[in-house]
Amino acid sequence: MRLSRLRRSPDIRAVLQGGRRYAGGLVVVYVRPSERGVRAGFVCARTVGGAVARNRARRLMKEGARVVLPFARGPHDVVIAARPEIRGAKAQDVTADMLDALRAARVVEG
């Protein structure tokens, strides 16, 4: 299943400002109810590192979302933001941290 993405800056900003925040060790998840199904956006600030580190973090977050979000309950807009601690993390660590945050948000069962 292909993941629906939040790409426009106003859409991502709306979730960041109006959504609920759930922090993990490596990522912060913002969740907002939606009418369009489950859509995900990814944010990586310069505090994570240079362009190479930010792109790697974004790839890790996308892979985690690809694994976890198909099991989401109900339509939600989800924005996943990388924390600086994501540098050097493995894909399974990012996925597990994302899963914990989404369980706390009650987006994913478990």
PDB file of N, CA and C in Angstrom:
ATOM      1  N   MET A   1       0.837  -1.181   0.000  1.00  0.00           N
ATOM      2  CA  MET A   1       0.000   0.000   0.000  1.00  0.00           C
ATOM      3  C   MET A   1       0.881   1.243   0.000  1.00  0.00           C
ATOM      4  N   ARG A   2       0.582   2.165  -0.868  1.00  0.00           N
ATOM      5  CA  ARG A   2       1.335   3.410  -0.945  1.00  0.00           C
ATOM      6  C   ARG A   2       0.823   4.386   0.111  1.00  0.00           C
ATOM      7  N   LEU A   3       1.743   5.048   0.775  1.00  0.00           N
ATOM      8  CA  LEU A   3       1.420   5.980   1.837  1.00  0.00           C
ATOM      9  C   LEU A   3       0.985   7.315   1.253  1.00  0.00           C
ATOM     10  N   SER A   4      -0.168   7.828   1.678  1.00  0.00           N
ATOM     11  CA  SER A   4      -0.607   9.159   1.259  1.00  0.00           C
ATOM     12  C   SER A   4       0.209  10.186   2.032  1.00  0.00           C
ATOM     13  N   ARG A   5       0.663  11.215   1.343  1.00  0.00           N
ATOM     14  CA  ARG A   5       1.586  12.164   1.939  1.00  0.00           C
ATOM     15  C   ARG A   5       0.977  13.545   2.106  1.00  0.00           C
ATOM     16  N   LEU A   6       1.386  14.218   3.149  1.00  0.00           N
ATOM     17  CA  LEU A   6       1.135  15.646   3.325  1.00  0.00           C
ATOM     18  C   LEU A   6       2.354  16.351   2.750  1.00  0.00           C
ATOM     19  N   ARG A   7       2.175  17.099   1.690  1.00  0.00           N
ATOM     20  CA  ARG A   7       3.310  17.737   1.040  1.00  0.00           C
ATOM     21  C   ARG A   7       3.293  19.263   1.133  1.00  0.00           C
ATOM     22  N   ARG A   8       2.111  19.839   1.175  1.00  0.00           N
ATOM     23  CA  ARG A   8       2.011  21.303   1.179  1.00  0.00           C
ATOM     24  C   ARG A   8       2.312  21.858   2.566  1.00  0.00           C
ATOM     25  N   SER A   9       3.077  22.925   2.590  1.00  0.00           N
ATOM     26  CA  SER A   9       3.468  23.547   3.845  1.00  0.00           C
ATOM     27  C   SER A   9       2.272  23.968   4.702  1.00  0.00           C
ATOM     28  N   PRO A  10       1.202  24.545   4.125  1.00  0.00           N
ATOM     29  CA  PRO A  10       0.054  24.908   4.975  1.00  0.00           C
ATOM     30  C   PRO A  10      -0.610  23.689   5.626  1.00  0.00           C
ATOM     31  N   ASP A  11      -0.635  22.551   4.933  1.00  0.00           N
ATOM     32  CA  ASP A  11      -1.211  21.338   5.517  1.00  0.00           C
ATOM     33  C   ASP A  11      -0.372  20.848   6.694  1.00  0.00           C
ATOM     34  N   ILE A  12       0.943  20.845   6.511  1.00  0.00           N
ATOM     35  CA  ILE A  12       1.829  20.404   7.588  1.00  0.00           C
ATOM     36  C   ILE A  12       1.766  21.369   8.755  1.00  0.00           C
ATOM     37  N   ARG A  13       1.759  22.658   8.475  1.00  0.00           N
ATOM     38  CA  ARG A  13       1.689  23.667   9.531  1.00  0.00           C
ATOM     39  C   ARG A  13       0.390  23.534  10.326  1.00  0.00           C
ATOM     40  N   ALA A  14      -0.723  23.232   9.644  1.00  0.00           N
ATOM     41  CA  ALA A  14      -2.003  23.069  10.338  1.00  0.00           C
ATOM     42  C   ALA A  14      -1.953  21.910  11.324  1.00  0.00           C
ATOM     43  N   VAL A  15      -1.297  20.824  10.958  1.00  0.00           N
ATOM     44  CA  VAL A  15      -1.185  19.682  11.868  1.00  0.00           C
ATOM     45  C   VAL A  15      -0.249  20.022  13.024  1.00  0.00           C
ATOM     46  N   LEU A  16       0.854  20.701  12.734  1.00  0.00           N
ATOM     47  CA  LEU A  16       1.799  21.065  13.793  1.00  0.00           C
ATOM     48  C   LEU A  16       1.175  22.015  14.806  1.00  0.00           C
ATOM     49  N   GLN A  17       0.336  22.934  14.342  1.00  0.00           N
ATOM     50  CA  GLN A  17      -0.260  23.915  15.247  1.00  0.00           C
ATOM     51  C   GLN A  17      -1.555  23.434  15.882  1.00  0.00           C
ATOM     52  N   GLY A  18      -2.336  22.626  15.166  1.00  0.00           N
ATOM     53  CA  GLY A  18      -3.635  22.223  15.679  1.00  0.00           C
ATOM     54  C   GLY A  18      -3.729  20.791  16.146  1.00  0.00           C
ATOM     55  N   GLY A  19      -2.663  20.013  15.960  1.00  0.00           N
ATOM     56  CA  GLY A  19      -2.702  18.611  16.334  1.00  0.00           C
ATOM     57  C   GLY A  19      -2.185  18.373  17.740  1.00  0.00           C
ATOM     58  N   ARG A  20      -2.382  17.148  18.200  1.00  0.00           N
ATOM     59  CA  ARG A  20      -1.860  16.751  19.507  1.00  0.00           C
ATOM     60  C   ARG A  20      -0.449  16.227  19.331  1.00  0.00           C
ATOM     61  N   ARG A  21       0.396  16.459  20.341  1.00  0.00           N
ATOM     62  CA  ARG A  21       1.820  16.131  20.263  1.00  0.00           C
ATOM     63  C   ARG A  21       2.124  14.934  21.150  1.00  0.00           C
ATOM     64  N   TYR A  22       2.862  13.970  20.589  1.00  0.00           N
ATOM     65  CA  TYR A  22       3.278  12.784  21.327  1.00  0.00           C
ATOM     66  C   TYR A  22       4.769  12.586  21.072  1.00  0.00           C
ATOM     67  N   ALA A  23       5.571  12.712  22.128  1.00  0.00           N
ATOM     68  CA  ALA A  23       7.021  12.678  21.978  1.00  0.00           C
ATOM     69  C   ALA A  23       7.572  11.288  22.256  1.00  0.00           C
ATOM     70  N   GLY A  24       8.519  10.901  21.439  1.00  0.00           N
ATOM     71  CA  GLY A  24       9.300   9.699  21.652  1.00  0.00           C
ATOM     72  C   GLY A  24      10.749  10.101  21.834  1.00  0.00           C
ATOM     73  N   GLY A  25      11.629   9.140  21.918  1.00  0.00           N
ATOM     74  CA  GLY A  25      13.038   9.448  22.076  1.00  0.00           C
ATOM     75  C   GLY A  25      13.703   9.931  20.800  1.00  0.00           C
ATOM     76  N   LEU A  26      13.218   9.438  19.659  1.00  0.00           N
ATOM     77  CA  LEU A  26      13.842   9.772  18.380  1.00  0.00           C
ATOM     78  C   LEU A  26      12.971  10.643  17.490  1.00  0.00           C
ATOM     79  N   VAL A  27      11.656  10.556  17.673  1.00  0.00           N
ATOM     80  CA  VAL A  27      10.719  11.329  16.850  1.00  0.00           C
ATOM     81  C   VAL A  27       9.635  11.940  17.726  1.00  0.00           C
ATOM     82  N   VAL A  28       9.007  12.976  17.190  1.00  0.00           N
ATOM     83  CA  VAL A  28       7.826  13.579  17.796  1.00  0.00           C
ATOM     84  C   VAL A  28       6.704  13.429  16.778  1.00  0.00           C
ATOM     85  N   VAL A  29       5.550  12.936  17.230  1.00  0.00           N
ATOM     86  CA  VAL A  29       4.431  12.683  16.336  1.00  0.00           C
ATOM     87  C   VAL A  29       3.317  13.673  16.657  1.00  0.00           C
ATOM     88  N   TYR A  30       2.828  14.351  15.631  1.00  0.00           N
ATOM     89  CA  TYR A  30       1.693  15.261  15.746  1.00  0.00           C
ATOM     90  C   TYR A  30       0.523  14.625  15.009  1.00  0.00           C
ATOM     91  N   VAL A  31      -0.639  14.548  15.668  1.00  0.00           N
ATOM     92  CA  VAL A  31      -1.800  13.862  15.098  1.00  0.00           C
ATOM     93  C   VAL A  31      -2.993  14.801  15.128  1.00  0.00           C
ATOM     94  N   ARG A  32      -3.717  14.819  14.017  1.00  0.00           N
ATOM     95  CA  ARG A  32      -4.926  15.636  13.902  1.00  0.00           C
ATOM     96  C   ARG A  32      -5.974  14.836  13.140  1.00  0.00           C
ATOM     97  N   PRO A  33      -7.226  14.809  13.589  1.00  0.00           N
ATOM     98  CA  PRO A  33      -8.279  14.107  12.842  1.00  0.00           C
ATOM     99  C   PRO A  33      -8.428  14.685  11.439  1.00  0.00           C
ATOM    100  N   SER A  34      -8.814  13.831  10.510  1.00  0.00           N
ATOM    101  CA  SER A  34      -8.911  14.222   9.110  1.00  0.00           C
ATOM    102  C   SER A  34     -10.139  13.588   8.484  1.00  0.00           C
ATOM    103  N   GLU A  35     -10.507  14.065   7.321  1.00  0.00           N
ATOM    104  CA  GLU A  35     -11.598  13.459   6.556  1.00  0.00           C
ATOM    105  C   GLU A  35     -11.062  12.686   5.356  1.00  0.00           C
ATOM    106  N   ARG A  36      -9.771  12.777   5.086  1.00  0.00           N
ATOM    107  CA  ARG A  36      -9.202  12.237   3.860  1.00  0.00           C
ATOM    108  C   ARG A  36      -8.449  10.930   4.053  1.00  0.00           C
ATOM    109  N   GLY A  37      -8.618  10.230   5.115  1.00  0.00           N
ATOM    110  CA  GLY A  37      -7.852   9.014   5.346  1.00  0.00           C
ATOM    111  C   GLY A  37      -6.572   9.332   6.094  1.00  0.00           C
ATOM    112  N   VAL A  38      -5.665   8.381   6.112  1.00  0.00           N
ATOM    113  CA  VAL A  38      -4.405   8.567   6.820  1.00  0.00           C
ATOM    114  C   VAL A  38      -3.387   9.174   5.855  1.00  0.00           C
ATOM    115  N   ARG A  39      -2.880  10.367   6.222  1.00  0.00           N
ATOM    116  CA  ARG A  39      -1.850  11.036   5.433  1.00  0.00           C
ATOM    117  C   ARG A  39      -0.693  11.361   6.367  1.00  0.00           C
ATOM    118  N   ALA A  40       0.524  11.264   5.868  1.00  0.00           N
ATOM    119  CA  ALA A  40       1.704  11.505   6.696  1.00  0.00           C
ATOM    120  C   ALA A  40       2.591  12.567   6.070  1.00  0.00           C
ATOM    121  N   GLY A  41       3.175  13.377   6.932  1.00  0.00           N
ATOM    122  CA  GLY A  41       4.163  14.360   6.529  1.00  0.00           C
ATOM    123  C   GLY A  41       5.398  14.186   7.393  1.00  0.00           C
ATOM    124  N   PHE A  42       6.538  14.614   6.891  1.00  0.00           N
ATOM    125  CA  PHE A  42       7.802  14.403   7.592  1.00  0.00           C
ATOM    126  C   PHE A  42       8.552  15.721   7.692  1.00  0.00           C
ATOM    127  N   VAL A  43       9.061  16.014   8.897  1.00  0.00           N
ATOM    128  CA  VAL A  43       9.741  17.270   9.164  1.00  0.00           C
ATOM    129  C   VAL A  43      11.085  16.948   9.800  1.00  0.00           C
ATOM    130  N   CYS A  44      12.101  17.634   9.325  1.00  0.00           N
ATOM    131  CA  CYS A  44      13.446  17.403   9.846  1.00  0.00           C
ATOM    132  C   CYS A  44      14.162  18.750   9.930  1.00  0.00           C
ATOM    133  N   ALA A  45      14.394  19.242  11.134  1.00  0.00           N
ATOM    134  CA  ALA A  45      15.012  20.549  11.320  1.00  0.00           C
ATOM    135  C   ALA A  45      16.523  20.475  11.178  1.00  0.00           C
ATOM    136  N   ARG A  46      17.150  21.605  11.050  1.00  0.00           N
ATOM    137  CA  ARG A  46      18.600  21.652  10.896  1.00  0.00           C
ATOM    138  C   ARG A  46      19.335  21.223  12.157  1.00  0.00           C
ATOM    139  N   THR A  47      18.643  21.164  13.276  1.00  0.00           N
ATOM    140  CA  THR A  47      19.284  20.697  14.504  1.00  0.00           C
ATOM    141  C   THR A  47      19.677  19.224  14.401  1.00  0.00           C
ATOM    142  N   VAL A  48      19.066  18.502  13.455  1.00  0.00           N
ATOM    143  CA  VAL A  48      19.413  17.092  13.251  1.00  0.00           C
ATOM    144  C   VAL A  48      20.810  16.981  12.658  1.00  0.00           C
ATOM    145  N   GLY A  49      21.189  17.906  11.813  1.00  0.00           N
ATOM    146  CA  GLY A  49      22.514  17.876  11.208  1.00  0.00           C
ATOM    147  C   GLY A  49      22.488  18.471   9.818  1.00  0.00           C
ATOM    148  N   GLY A  50      23.492  18.127   9.043  1.00  0.00           N
ATOM    149  CA  GLY A  50      23.599  18.609   7.678  1.00  0.00           C
ATOM    150  C   GLY A  50      22.588  17.932   6.773  1.00  0.00           C
ATOM    151  N   ALA A  51      22.672  18.238   5.488  1.00  0.00           N
ATOM    152  CA  ALA A  51      21.708  17.726   4.524  1.00  0.00           C
ATOM    153  C   ALA A  51      21.712  16.199   4.467  1.00  0.00           C
ATOM    154  N   VAL A  52      22.883  15.600   4.549  1.00  0.00           N
ATOM    155  CA  VAL A  52      22.971  14.143   4.483  1.00  0.00           C
ATOM    156  C   VAL A  52      22.281  13.514   5.691  1.00  0.00           C
ATOM    157  N   ALA A  53      22.522  14.050   6.879  1.00  0.00           N
ATOM    158  CA  ALA A  53      21.902  13.517   8.101  1.00  0.00           C
ATOM    159  C   ALA A  53      20.389  13.720   8.070  1.00  0.00           C
ATOM    160  N   ARG A  54      19.935  14.874   7.594  1.00  0.00           N
ATOM    161  CA  ARG A  54      18.491  15.129   7.536  1.00  0.00           C
ATOM    162  C   ARG A  54      17.810  14.217   6.530  1.00  0.00           C
ATOM    163  N   ASN A  55      18.428  14.002   5.367  1.00  0.00           N
ATOM    164  CA  ASN A  55      17.836  13.104   4.377  1.00  0.00           C
ATOM    165  C   ASN A  55      17.798  11.669   4.877  1.00  0.00           C
ATOM    166  N   ARG A  56      18.826  11.229   5.585  1.00  0.00           N
ATOM    167  CA  ARG A  56      18.817   9.877   6.150  1.00  0.00           C
ATOM    168  C   ARG A  56      17.718   9.753   7.191  1.00  0.00           C
ATOM    169  N   ALA A  57      17.578  10.768   8.039  1.00  0.00           N
ATOM    170  CA  ALA A  57      16.514  10.751   9.050  1.00  0.00           C
ATOM    171  C   ALA A  57      15.144  10.697   8.384  1.00  0.00           C
ATOM    172  N   ARG A  58      14.962  11.459   7.331  1.00  0.00           N
ATOM    173  CA  ARG A  58      13.690  11.460   6.608  1.00  0.00           C
ATOM    174  C   ARG A  58      13.405  10.081   5.998  1.00  0.00           C
ATOM    175  N   ARG A  59      14.424   9.453   5.429  1.00  0.00           N
ATOM    176  CA  ARG A  59      14.244   8.104   4.876  1.00  0.00           C
ATOM    177  C   ARG A  59      13.870   7.105   5.959  1.00  0.00           C
ATOM    178  N   LEU A  60      14.505   7.201   7.124  1.00  0.00           N
ATOM    179  CA  LEU A  60      14.178   6.300   8.232  1.00  0.00           C
ATOM    180  C   LEU A  60      12.743   6.506   8.701  1.00  0.00           C
ATOM    181  N   MET A  61      12.315   7.762   8.775  1.00  0.00           N
ATOM    182  CA  MET A  61      10.940   8.043   9.212  1.00  0.00           C
ATOM    183  C   MET A  61       9.935   7.552   8.177  1.00  0.00           C
ATOM    184  N   LYS A  62      10.228   7.720   6.891  1.00  0.00           N
ATOM    185  CA  LYS A  62       9.326   7.249   5.841  1.00  0.00           C
ATOM    186  C   LYS A  62       9.198   5.735   5.878  1.00  0.00           C
ATOM    187  N   GLU A  63      10.300   5.040   6.086  1.00  0.00           N
ATOM    188  CA  GLU A  63      10.256   3.579   6.160  1.00  0.00           C
ATOM    189  C   GLU A  63       9.433   3.131   7.368  1.00  0.00           C
ATOM    190  N   GLY A  64       9.627   3.787   8.512  1.00  0.00           N
ATOM    191  CA  GLY A  64       8.832   3.446   9.696  1.00  0.00           C
ATOM    192  C   GLY A  64       7.356   3.694   9.475  1.00  0.00           C
ATOM    193  N   ALA A  65       7.021   4.792   8.841  1.00  0.00           N
ATOM    194  CA  ALA A  65       5.611   5.100   8.566  1.00  0.00           C
ATOM    195  C   ALA A  65       5.022   4.107   7.578  1.00  0.00           C
ATOM    196  N   ARG A  66       5.808   3.683   6.601  1.00  0.00           N
ATOM    197  CA  ARG A  66       5.337   2.708   5.628  1.00  0.00           C
ATOM    198  C   ARG A  66       4.983   1.386   6.304  1.00  0.00           C
ATOM    199  N   VAL A  67       5.697   1.036   7.359  1.00  0.00           N
ATOM    200  CA  VAL A  67       5.446  -0.203   8.081  1.00  0.00           C
ATOM    201  C   VAL A  67       4.276  -0.056   9.050  1.00  0.00           C
ATOM    202  N   VAL A  68       4.193   1.064   9.746  1.00  0.00           N
ATOM    203  CA  VAL A  68       3.264   1.231  10.865  1.00  0.00           C
ATOM    204  C   VAL A  68       1.893   1.781  10.455  1.00  0.00           C
ATOM    205  N   LEU A  69       1.851   2.785   9.598  1.00  0.00           N
ATOM    206  CA  LEU A  69       0.598   3.486   9.323  1.00  0.00           C
ATOM    207  C   LEU A  69      -0.482   2.687   8.600  1.00  0.00           C
ATOM    208  N   PRO A  70      -0.177   1.620   7.871  1.00  0.00           N
ATOM    209  CA  PRO A  70      -1.287   0.840   7.311  1.00  0.00           C
ATOM    210  C   PRO A  70      -2.212   0.239   8.373  1.00  0.00           C
ATOM    211  N   PHE A  71      -1.761   0.181   9.625  1.00  0.00           N
ATOM    212  CA  PHE A  71      -2.570  -0.365  10.707  1.00  0.00           C
ATOM    213  C   PHE A  71      -3.302   0.719  11.491  1.00  0.00           C
ATOM    214  N   ALA A  72      -3.320   1.942  10.985  1.00  0.00           N
ATOM    215  CA  ALA A  72      -3.958   3.064  11.682  1.00  0.00           C
ATOM    216  C   ALA A  72      -5.468   2.898  11.702  1.00  0.00           C
ATOM    217  N   ARG A  73      -6.058   3.365  12.799  1.00  0.00           N
ATOM    218  CA  ARG A  73      -7.514   3.349  12.946  1.00  0.00           C
ATOM    219  C   ARG A  73      -8.049   4.732  12.616  1.00  0.00           C
ATOM    220  N   GLY A  74      -8.980   4.798  11.717  1.00  0.00           N
ATOM    221  CA  GLY A  74      -9.636   6.065  11.412  1.00  0.00           C
ATOM    222  C   GLY A  74      -8.766   7.007  10.616  1.00  0.00           C
ATOM    223  N   PRO A  75      -9.384   8.028  10.053  1.00  0.00           N
ATOM    224  CA  PRO A  75      -8.630   8.999   9.249  1.00  0.00           C
ATOM    225  C   PRO A  75      -7.895  10.005  10.136  1.00  0.00           C
ATOM    226  N   HIS A  76      -6.607  10.147   9.893  1.00  0.00           N
ATOM    227  CA  HIS A  76      -5.775  11.086  10.637  1.00  0.00           C
ATOM    228  C   HIS A  76      -4.750  11.708   9.702  1.00  0.00           C
ATOM    229  N   ASP A  77      -4.382  12.946  10.024  1.00  0.00           N
ATOM    230  CA  ASP A  77      -3.196  13.558   9.434  1.00  0.00           C
ATOM    231  C   ASP A  77      -2.099  13.435  10.481  1.00  0.00           C
ATOM    232  N   VAL A  78      -0.966  12.900  10.088  1.00  0.00           N
ATOM    233  CA  VAL A  78       0.142  12.643  11.005  1.00  0.00           C
ATOM    234  C   VAL A  78       1.378  13.343  10.464  1.00  0.00           C
ATOM    235  N   VAL A  79       2.031  14.127  11.314  1.00  0.00           N
ATOM    236  CA  VAL A  79       3.317  14.718  10.960  1.00  0.00           C
ATOM    237  C   VAL A  79       4.344  14.152  11.925  1.00  0.00           C
ATOM    238  N   ILE A  80       5.421  13.617  11.372  1.00  0.00           N
ATOM    239  CA  ILE A  80       6.469  13.001  12.170  1.00  0.00           C
ATOM    240  C   ILE A  80       7.703  13.887  12.055  1.00  0.00           C
ATOM    241  N   ALA A  81       8.165  14.379  13.201  1.00  0.00           N
ATOM    242  CA  ALA A  81       9.316  15.276  13.244  1.00  0.00           C
ATOM    243  C   ALA A  81      10.500  14.558  13.878  1.00  0.00           C
ATOM    244  N   ALA A  82      11.663  14.686  13.268  1.00  0.00           N
ATOM    245  CA  ALA A  82      12.880  14.047  13.775  1.00  0.00           C
ATOM    246  C   ALA A  82      13.453  14.868  14.922  1.00  0.00           C
ATOM    247  N   ARG A  83      13.956  14.172  15.923  1.00  0.00           N
ATOM    248  CA  ARG A  83      14.704  14.822  16.997  1.00  0.00           C
ATOM    249  C   ARG A  83      16.189  14.652  16.704  1.00  0.00           C
ATOM    250  N   PRO A  84      17.045  15.477  17.265  1.00  0.00           N
ATOM    251  CA  PRO A  84      18.488  15.341  16.997  1.00  0.00           C
ATOM    252  C   PRO A  84      19.042  13.965  17.374  1.00  0.00           C
ATOM    253  N   GLU A  85      18.400  13.281  18.303  1.00  0.00           N
ATOM    254  CA  GLU A  85      18.853  11.965  18.735  1.00  0.00           C
ATOM    255  C   GLU A  85      18.724  10.902  17.650  1.00  0.00           C
ATOM    256  N   ILE A  86      18.042  11.213  16.552  1.00  0.00           N
ATOM    257  CA  ILE A  86      17.839  10.238  15.480  1.00  0.00           C
ATOM    258  C   ILE A  86      19.131   9.950  14.721  1.00  0.00           C
ATOM    259  N   ARG A  87      20.112  10.850  14.841  1.00  0.00           N
ATOM    260  CA  ARG A  87      21.400  10.622  14.157  1.00  0.00           C
ATOM    261  C   ARG A  87      22.018   9.319  14.639  1.00  0.00           C
ATOM    262  N   GLY A  88      22.378   8.467  13.699  1.00  0.00           N
ATOM    263  CA  GLY A  88      23.014   7.203  14.044  1.00  0.00           C
ATOM    264  C   GLY A  88      22.062   6.096  14.454  1.00  0.00           C
ATOM    265  N   ALA A  89      20.768   6.376  14.482  1.00  0.00           N
ATOM    266  CA  ALA A  89      19.793   5.357  14.876  1.00  0.00           C
ATOM    267  C   ALA A  89      19.567   4.368  13.746  1.00  0.00           C
ATOM    268  N   LYS A  90      19.146   3.180  14.115  1.00  0.00           N
ATOM    269  CA  LYS A  90      18.826   2.152  13.128  1.00  0.00           C
ATOM    270  C   LYS A  90      17.354   2.240  12.764  1.00  0.00           C
ATOM    271  N   ALA A  91      17.008   1.679  11.609  1.00  0.00           N
ATOM    272  CA  ALA A  91      15.629   1.747  11.111  1.00  0.00           C
ATOM    273  C   ALA A  91      14.652   1.117  12.091  1.00  0.00           C
ATOM    274  N   GLN A  92      14.998  -0.030  12.682  1.00  0.00           N
ATOM    275  CA  GLN A  92      14.063  -0.690  13.595  1.00  0.00           C
ATOM    276  C   GLN A  92      13.867   0.118  14.878  1.00  0.00           C
ATOM    277  N   ASP A  93      14.879   0.879  15.293  1.00  0.00           N
ATOM    278  CA  ASP A  93      14.729   1.731  16.473  1.00  0.00           C
ATOM    279  C   ASP A  93      13.759   2.877  16.192  1.00  0.00           C
ATOM    280  N   VAL A  94      13.888   3.483  15.013  1.00  0.00           N
ATOM    281  CA  VAL A  94      12.997   4.577  14.630  1.00  0.00           C
ATOM    282  C   VAL A  94      11.567   4.061  14.492  1.00  0.00           C
ATOM    283  N   THR A  95      11.404   2.895  13.868  1.00  0.00           N
ATOM    284  CA  THR A  95      10.077   2.309  13.693  1.00  0.00           C
ATOM    285  C   THR A  95       9.439   1.998  15.046  1.00  0.00           C
ATOM    286  N   ALA A  96      10.212   1.426  15.962  1.00  0.00           N
ATOM    287  CA  ALA A  96       9.681   1.092  17.288  1.00  0.00           C
ATOM    288  C   ALA A  96       9.292   2.349  18.060  1.00  0.00           C
ATOM    289  N   ASP A  97      10.111   3.394  17.968  1.00  0.00           N
ATOM    290  CA  ASP A  97       9.814   4.645  18.661  1.00  0.00           C
ATOM    291  C   ASP A  97       8.560   5.298  18.080  1.00  0.00           C
ATOM    292  N   MET A  98       8.439   5.258  16.764  1.00  0.00           N
ATOM    293  CA  MET A  98       7.265   5.807  16.095  1.00  0.00           C
ATOM    294  C   MET A  98       6.008   5.025  16.492  1.00  0.00           C
ATOM    295  N   LEU A  99       6.123   3.708  16.563  1.00  0.00           N
ATOM    296  CA  LEU A  99       4.998   2.862  16.952  1.00  0.00           C
ATOM    297  C   LEU A  99       4.546   3.177  18.372  1.00  0.00           C
ATOM    298  N   ASP A 100       5.492   3.376  19.287  1.00  0.00           N
ATOM    299  CA  ASP A 100       5.140   3.726  20.664  1.00  0.00           C
ATOM    300  C   ASP A 100       4.393   5.054  20.725  1.00  0.00           C
ATOM    301  N   ALA A 101       4.870   6.053  19.982  1.00  0.00           N
ATOM    302  CA  ALA A 101       4.210   7.364  19.982  1.00  0.00           C
ATOM    303  C   ALA A 101       2.812   7.274  19.365  1.00  0.00           C
ATOM    304  N   LEU A 102       2.662   6.496  18.284  1.00  0.00           N
ATOM    305  CA  LEU A 102       1.352   6.355  17.653  1.00  0.00           C
ATOM    306  C   LEU A 102       0.381   5.541  18.516  1.00  0.00           C
ATOM    307  N   ARG A 103       0.915   4.614  19.309  1.00  0.00           N
ATOM    308  CA  ARG A 103       0.053   3.887  20.263  1.00  0.00           C
ATOM    309  C   ARG A 103      -0.438   4.839  21.354  1.00  0.00           C
ATOM    310  N   ALA A 104       0.455   5.710  21.834  1.00  0.00           N
ATOM    311  CA  ALA A 104       0.050   6.694  22.840  1.00  0.00           C
ATOM    312  C   ALA A 104      -1.011   7.627  22.286  1.00  0.00           C
ATOM    313  N   ALA A 105      -0.933   7.923  20.990  1.00  0.00           N
ATOM    314  CA  ALA A 105      -1.913   8.789  20.341  1.00  0.00           C
ATOM    315  C   ALA A 105      -3.206   8.045  20.005  1.00  0.00           C
ATOM    316  N   ARG A 106      -3.198   6.748  20.214  1.00  0.00           N
ATOM    317  CA  ARG A 106      -4.341   5.876  19.898  1.00  0.00           C
ATOM    318  C   ARG A 106      -4.675   5.879  18.408  1.00  0.00           C
ATOM    319  N   VAL A 107      -3.654   6.038  17.579  1.00  0.00           N
ATOM    320  CA  VAL A 107      -3.826   5.960  16.136  1.00  0.00           C
ATOM    321  C   VAL A 107      -3.653   4.512  15.693  1.00  0.00           C
ATOM    322  N   VAL A 108      -2.769   3.791  16.372  1.00  0.00           N
ATOM    323  CA  VAL A 108      -2.474   2.393  16.064  1.00  0.00           C
ATOM    324  C   VAL A 108      -2.847   1.557  17.287  1.00  0.00           C
ATOM    325  N   GLU A 109      -3.470   0.420  17.063  1.00  0.00           N
ATOM    326  CA  GLU A 109      -3.844  -0.477  18.166  1.00  0.00           C
ATOM    327  C   GLU A 109      -2.595  -1.104  18.781  1.00  0.00           C
ATOM    328  N   GLY A 110      -2.721  -1.457  20.054  1.00  0.00           N
ATOM    329  CA  GLY A 110      -1.622  -2.202  20.646  1.00  0.00           C
ATOM    330  C   GLY A 110      -1.381  -1.951  22.059  1.00  0.00           C
TER     331      GLY A 110
END
